[in-house]
């Protein structure tokens, strides 16, 4: 039929993962009933300083941690909690990798992005509701992740696939750390360049040493930009840019080939992984060399010239 009217039932799918149900109590937690929640907030405002509204902006949150059979912490997530029965879902994934730095800080207050799905085995889930550092309430329970009986892949193949994903995650972390170093250096050089420009007085004969520092700073800015382009297309880049040769895209393509199946990585996938590894090692080596050589020399030149955040104030 073209229109089902009210004859079609629609609802959300059951969440994928293990459902964890728990009871929480305490008047410091929000109440799911709207009328009772208004009463709770009214009493809370009356009991506290009416000019202090900070407590109203902080949503109480619990924390879920997952450990594997060896005791390794593999997942940390925070979630809102209310009075009464609560239910959360662990999607059977471990922590992923923090995103690349962007124009706005990444919102990771509730935990890292999800990584690959874990292997079948025994795990321990711990819930924590910390009203304070000394009076945190915790509860732990063991659970078992079972293999999908419909899967066509054996345990060894699945384990090989999982290990390949973990290896690629480590490569992602290394790439993110390198870009973070570049972005941090860019911020520092921009600040240094602003301080150098302050030394160039309008209408006055420019000091040759200061001019040299300015030229050096501008050259370092360009070099840092080129280093960043080896890893990714910089944020706010306009237009369509070819980026298949970027380190981040190399790793992403390897992730795609490995993650497209639960089987052991194919020869093609292994080629992409090795290509991503080689590009990552070459790019990070270039960053290490630049930081230890040109950037360190520029930092020392600034120090020798007495240019710093408080240099002019101290001199006066």
Protein backbone atom coordinates (compact mmCIF):
# COMPACT_ATOMS: atom_id res chain seq x y z
CA UNK A 1 0.00 0.00 0.00
CA UNK A 2 1.03 3.58 -0.55
CA UNK A 3 -0.15 4.92 2.81
CA UNK A 4 -0.42 2.72 5.88
CA UNK A 5 -2.11 5.34 8.06
CA UNK A 6 -2.25 4.11 11.64
CA UNK A 7 -2.03 0.48 10.57
CA UNK A 8 1.77 0.32 10.67
CA UNK A 9 3.67 -0.09 13.94
CA UNK A 10 6.99 1.67 14.23
CA UNK A 11 9.39 1.78 17.15
CA UNK A 12 13.08 1.96 17.88
CA UNK A 13 15.10 -1.21 17.39
CA UNK A 14 16.36 -2.96 20.47
CA UNK A 15 19.80 -1.52 21.28
CA UNK A 16 22.77 -3.62 20.24
CA UNK A 17 24.91 -4.75 23.14
CA UNK A 18 24.54 -5.75 26.75
CA UNK A 19 21.84 -3.87 28.65
CA UNK A 20 22.77 -2.87 32.19
CA UNK A 21 19.96 -1.97 34.57
CA UNK A 22 20.53 -0.39 37.97
CA UNK A 23 18.72 1.53 40.69
CA UNK A 24 19.91 4.95 41.85
CA UNK A 25 18.59 7.04 44.72
CA UNK A 26 19.27 10.38 46.35
CA UNK A 27 17.67 13.79 46.21
CA UNK A 28 20.76 15.18 44.51
CA UNK A 29 19.73 13.23 41.39
CA UNK A 30 17.02 14.47 38.99
CA UNK A 31 13.62 12.78 39.15
CA UNK A 32 12.13 11.35 35.94
CA UNK A 33 8.66 12.66 36.87
CA UNK A 34 8.38 16.29 35.70
CA UNK A 35 6.18 17.45 38.58
CA UNK A 36 8.39 15.85 41.23
CA UNK A 37 11.48 17.21 39.48
CA UNK A 38 10.11 20.76 39.69
CA UNK A 39 9.51 20.27 43.40
CA UNK A 40 13.03 18.90 43.87
CA UNK A 41 14.60 21.86 42.10
CA UNK A 42 12.49 24.29 44.08
CA UNK A 43 13.64 22.77 47.38
CA UNK A 44 17.21 22.71 46.14
CA UNK A 45 17.13 26.40 45.27
CA UNK A 46 15.63 27.25 48.65
CA UNK A 47 18.33 25.29 50.48
CA UNK A 48 21.21 26.84 48.54
CA UNK A 49 22.37 30.37 47.87
CA UNK A 50 19.84 31.73 45.33
CA UNK A 51 22.65 33.59 43.54
CA UNK A 52 24.60 30.37 43.05
CA UNK A 53 23.35 28.68 39.89
CA UNK A 54 26.43 26.60 39.08
CA UNK A 55 24.93 23.47 40.63
CA UNK A 56 21.95 23.69 38.30
CA UNK A 57 24.17 23.54 35.22
CA UNK A 58 25.89 20.31 36.25
CA UNK A 59 24.02 17.20 35.21
CA UNK A 60 24.77 14.29 37.57
CA UNK A 61 26.57 11.55 35.71
CA UNK A 62 27.66 8.04 36.45
CA UNK A 63 30.64 6.25 35.01
CA UNK A 64 30.88 2.82 33.43
CA UNK A 65 34.23 1.09 33.09
CA UNK A 66 34.89 -2.20 31.32
CA UNK A 67 37.87 -4.44 32.02
CA UNK A 68 38.85 -7.57 30.17
CA UNK A 69 39.80 -10.90 31.74
CA UNK A 70 43.37 -9.68 32.24
CA UNK A 71 42.21 -6.62 34.17
CA UNK A 72 43.04 -4.12 31.41
CA UNK A 73 40.74 -1.09 31.28
CA UNK A 74 39.31 -1.04 27.77
CA UNK A 75 36.27 1.25 27.96
CA UNK A 76 35.23 4.28 30.01
CA UNK A 77 31.91 6.03 29.47
CA UNK A 78 29.93 8.59 31.46
CA UNK A 79 26.15 8.84 31.31
CA UNK A 80 23.33 10.84 32.91
CA UNK A 81 21.66 9.32 35.97
CA UNK A 82 18.23 9.93 37.47
CA UNK A 83 16.40 8.64 40.52
CA UNK A 84 14.87 5.22 40.17
CA UNK A 85 15.56 2.57 37.54
CA UNK A 86 18.20 3.42 34.95
CA UNK A 87 19.29 1.44 31.92
CA UNK A 88 22.43 1.88 29.84
CA UNK A 89 23.91 -0.21 27.05
CA UNK A 90 27.49 -1.25 26.44
CA UNK A 91 27.81 -1.81 22.72
CA UNK A 92 30.66 -4.30 23.31
CA UNK A 93 33.23 -1.91 21.90
CA UNK A 94 36.47 -0.74 23.48
CA UNK A 95 37.70 2.84 23.57
CA UNK A 96 38.65 4.33 20.26
CA UNK A 97 41.05 7.17 19.45
CA UNK A 98 40.53 10.86 20.19
CA UNK A 99 39.87 12.91 17.05
CA UNK A 100 42.33 15.18 15.31
CA UNK A 101 42.49 18.72 16.74
CA UNK A 102 40.05 21.07 15.05
CA UNK A 103 38.80 24.64 15.27
CA UNK A 104 36.70 23.67 18.29
CA UNK A 105 37.79 21.39 21.14
CA UNK A 106 36.47 17.84 20.89
CA UNK A 107 33.69 17.01 23.34
CA UNK A 108 35.11 14.02 25.18
CA UNK A 109 33.58 14.61 28.62
CA UNK A 110 31.56 11.39 28.28
CA UNK A 111 34.46 9.30 27.00
CA UNK A 112 36.40 8.53 23.86
CA UNK A 113 34.69 7.52 20.60
CA UNK A 114 33.91 3.84 20.29
CA UNK A 115 36.60 1.57 18.89
CA UNK A 116 36.37 -1.99 17.54
CA UNK A 117 34.05 -4.59 18.98
CA UNK A 118 35.79 -6.77 21.54
CA UNK A 119 36.54 -10.48 21.22
CA UNK A 120 34.30 -13.08 22.85
CA UNK A 121 35.34 -13.63 26.45
CA UNK A 122 34.78 -12.61 30.06
CA UNK A 123 34.59 -8.96 31.09
CA UNK A 124 33.86 -6.96 34.21
CA UNK A 125 31.62 -3.92 34.19
CA UNK A 126 31.81 -1.41 37.04
CA UNK A 127 29.33 1.40 37.60
CA UNK A 128 30.32 4.35 39.73
CA UNK A 129 28.26 7.26 41.02
CA UNK A 130 30.69 9.71 42.60
CA UNK A 131 29.04 12.46 44.60
CA UNK A 132 32.50 13.22 45.95
CA UNK A 133 35.97 11.74 45.90
CA UNK A 134 35.50 9.97 49.24
CA UNK A 135 31.88 8.82 49.01
CA UNK A 136 31.73 7.26 45.56
CA UNK A 137 29.31 4.38 45.22
CA UNK A 138 30.42 1.55 42.95
CA UNK A 139 29.02 -1.78 41.84
CA UNK A 140 30.70 -4.43 39.69
CA UNK A 141 29.41 -7.41 37.78
CA UNK A 142 30.98 -9.95 35.45
CA UNK A 143 29.59 -10.75 32.03
CA UNK A 144 30.45 -12.90 29.05
CA UNK A 145 30.52 -11.81 25.43
CA UNK A 146 29.59 -14.79 23.29
CA UNK A 147 30.61 -15.52 19.74
CA UNK A 148 27.89 -15.14 17.12
CA UNK A 149 26.84 -18.72 16.29
CA UNK A 150 25.93 -17.57 12.76
CA UNK A 151 29.45 -16.32 12.02
CA UNK A 152 31.32 -18.03 9.20
CA UNK A 153 34.73 -17.10 10.64
CA UNK A 154 36.59 -19.09 13.25
CA UNK A 155 38.04 -17.68 16.46
CA UNK A 156 41.58 -17.42 15.11
CA UNK A 157 40.50 -15.39 12.09
CA UNK A 158 38.41 -13.09 14.26
CA UNK A 159 41.32 -12.60 16.68
CA UNK A 160 43.67 -11.75 13.80
CA UNK A 161 41.20 -9.17 12.53
CA UNK A 162 40.88 -7.66 16.01
CA UNK A 163 44.66 -7.42 16.45
CA UNK A 164 44.96 -5.70 13.08
CA UNK A 165 42.40 -3.12 14.19
CA UNK A 166 44.28 -2.52 17.43
CA UNK A 167 47.48 -2.01 15.44
CA UNK A 168 45.73 0.54 13.24
CA UNK A 169 44.36 2.30 16.33
CA UNK A 170 47.92 2.71 17.63
CA UNK A 171 48.85 4.21 14.26
CA UNK A 172 45.90 6.58 14.55
CA UNK A 173 47.01 7.65 18.02
CA UNK A 174 50.52 8.33 16.73
CA UNK A 175 49.17 10.42 13.85
CA UNK A 176 46.87 12.40 16.15
CA UNK A 177 49.75 13.07 18.56
CA UNK A 178 51.92 14.32 15.70
CA UNK A 179 49.22 16.71 14.48
CA UNK A 180 48.65 17.91 18.04
CA UNK A 181 52.36 18.75 18.26
CA UNK A 182 52.15 20.65 14.97
CA UNK A 183 49.05 22.60 16.02
CA UNK A 184 50.64 23.44 19.39
CA UNK A 185 53.79 24.65 17.63
CA UNK A 186 51.71 26.72 15.20
CA UNK A 187 50.01 28.43 18.12
CA UNK A 188 53.36 29.16 19.77
CA UNK A 189 54.91 30.54 16.58
CA UNK A 190 51.87 32.77 15.97
CA UNK A 191 52.28 34.19 19.46
CA UNK A 192 56.01 34.65 18.94
CA UNK A 193 55.42 36.40 15.61
CA UNK A 194 53.00 38.82 17.27
CA UNK A 195 55.67 39.63 19.88
CA UNK A 196 58.29 40.10 17.17
CA UNK A 197 55.99 42.47 15.27
CA UNK A 198 55.66 44.55 18.43
CA UNK A 199 59.40 45.20 18.24
CA UNK A 200 59.02 46.74 14.77
CA UNK A 201 58.02 50.29 15.63
CA UNK A 202 56.09 52.19 12.91
CA UNK A 203 58.26 54.83 11.25
CA UNK A 204 61.45 53.64 12.97
CA UNK A 205 64.36 51.98 11.28
CA UNK A 206 63.75 48.22 11.62
CA UNK A 207 66.30 46.26 13.59
CA UNK A 208 68.01 43.69 11.36
CA UNK A 209 67.95 41.01 14.06
CA UNK A 210 64.22 41.52 14.59
CA UNK A 211 63.62 41.42 10.84
CA UNK A 212 65.51 38.14 10.67
CA UNK A 213 63.38 36.71 13.48
CA UNK A 214 60.23 37.74 11.66
CA UNK A 215 61.37 36.09 8.45
CA UNK A 216 62.33 32.99 10.40
CA UNK A 217 58.91 32.85 12.09
CA UNK A 218 57.10 33.20 8.78
CA UNK A 219 59.24 30.45 7.29
CA UNK A 220 58.50 28.16 10.21
CA UNK A 221 54.77 28.85 9.80
CA UNK A 222 54.97 27.66 6.20
CA UNK A 223 56.99 24.60 7.16
CA UNK A 224 54.51 23.64 9.88
CA UNK A 225 51.66 24.04 7.41
CA UNK A 226 53.41 21.70 4.99
CA UNK A 227 54.03 19.17 7.75
CA UNK A 228 50.34 19.26 8.70
CA UNK A 229 49.36 18.67 5.08
CA UNK A 230 51.29 15.41 5.13
CA UNK A 231 48.88 14.12 7.79
CA UNK A 232 45.56 15.71 6.80
CA UNK A 233 43.80 18.47 4.92
CA UNK A 234 43.89 21.42 7.36
CA UNK A 235 40.52 22.51 8.80
CA UNK A 236 38.74 25.39 7.06
CA UNK A 237 40.35 24.44 3.74
CA UNK A 238 38.02 25.57 0.99
CA UNK A 239 37.07 23.56 -2.04
CA UNK A 240 37.60 19.92 -2.91
CA UNK A 241 41.17 18.84 -2.22
CA UNK A 242 42.85 15.57 -3.18
CA UNK A 243 43.68 13.90 0.10
CA UNK A 244 44.14 10.21 -0.65
CA UNK A 245 47.87 10.65 -0.03
CA UNK A 246 47.42 12.03 3.51
CA UNK A 247 48.53 9.86 6.42
CA UNK A 248 45.10 10.02 8.05
CA UNK A 249 43.46 8.82 4.83
CA UNK A 250 46.01 6.05 4.37
CA UNK A 251 45.17 4.76 7.84
CA UNK A 252 41.46 5.22 7.19
CA UNK A 253 41.66 3.20 3.97
CA UNK A 254 43.50 0.41 5.79
CA UNK A 255 40.80 0.52 8.49
CA UNK A 256 38.16 0.19 5.79
CA UNK A 257 39.71 -2.92 4.25
CA UNK A 258 40.41 -4.59 7.59
CA UNK A 259 37.05 -3.62 9.09
CA UNK A 260 34.95 -4.68 6.10
CA UNK A 261 35.00 -8.26 7.42
CA UNK A 262 35.54 -10.26 10.59
CA UNK A 263 37.96 -12.53 8.78
CA UNK A 264 41.74 -12.34 9.00
CA UNK A 265 43.19 -9.43 6.97
CA UNK A 266 43.51 -10.26 3.30
CA UNK A 267 46.76 -9.69 1.36
CA UNK A 268 45.21 -6.51 -0.07
CA UNK A 269 44.37 -5.24 3.41
CA UNK A 270 47.89 -6.02 4.59
CA UNK A 271 49.31 -3.96 1.72
CA UNK A 272 47.20 -0.99 2.76
CA UNK A 273 48.25 -1.40 6.38
CA UNK A 274 51.93 -1.51 5.44
CA UNK A 275 51.57 1.49 3.16
CA UNK A 276 49.90 3.46 5.95
CA UNK A 277 52.65 2.42 8.39
CA UNK A 278 55.43 3.54 6.08
CA UNK A 279 53.81 6.91 5.37
CA UNK A 280 53.18 7.44 9.08
CA UNK A 281 56.77 6.65 10.03
CA UNK A 282 58.16 8.95 7.34
CA UNK A 283 55.87 11.83 8.31
CA UNK A 284 56.42 11.53 12.06
CA UNK A 285 60.19 11.34 11.52
CA UNK A 286 59.97 14.61 9.58
CA UNK A 287 58.04 16.20 12.47
CA UNK A 288 60.59 14.98 15.04
CA UNK A 289 63.47 16.36 12.98
CA UNK A 290 61.81 19.72 12.44
CA UNK A 291 60.92 20.14 16.10
CA UNK A 292 64.44 19.25 17.24
CA UNK A 293 66.21 21.32 14.59
CA UNK A 294 64.50 24.39 13.10
CA UNK A 295 61.89 24.99 15.79
CA UNK A 296 64.41 24.60 18.61
CA UNK A 297 66.79 27.00 16.86
CA UNK A 298 64.00 29.57 16.53
CA UNK A 299 63.07 29.17 20.18
CA UNK A 300 66.67 29.74 21.19
CA UNK A 301 66.90 32.81 18.93
CA UNK A 302 63.84 34.29 20.62
CA UNK A 303 65.37 33.63 24.01
CA UNK A 304 68.68 35.24 23.01
CA UNK A 305 66.81 38.27 21.69
CA UNK A 306 64.96 38.63 24.99
CA UNK A 307 61.57 38.41 23.32
CA UNK A 308 58.88 36.86 25.50
CA UNK A 309 55.43 37.49 26.90
CA UNK A 310 56.72 39.75 29.66
CA UNK A 311 59.97 40.97 28.12
CA UNK A 312 58.83 44.57 27.49
CA UNK A 313 57.28 44.87 30.95
CA UNK A 314 60.44 43.64 32.63
CA UNK A 315 62.59 45.96 30.52
CA UNK A 316 60.55 49.00 31.53
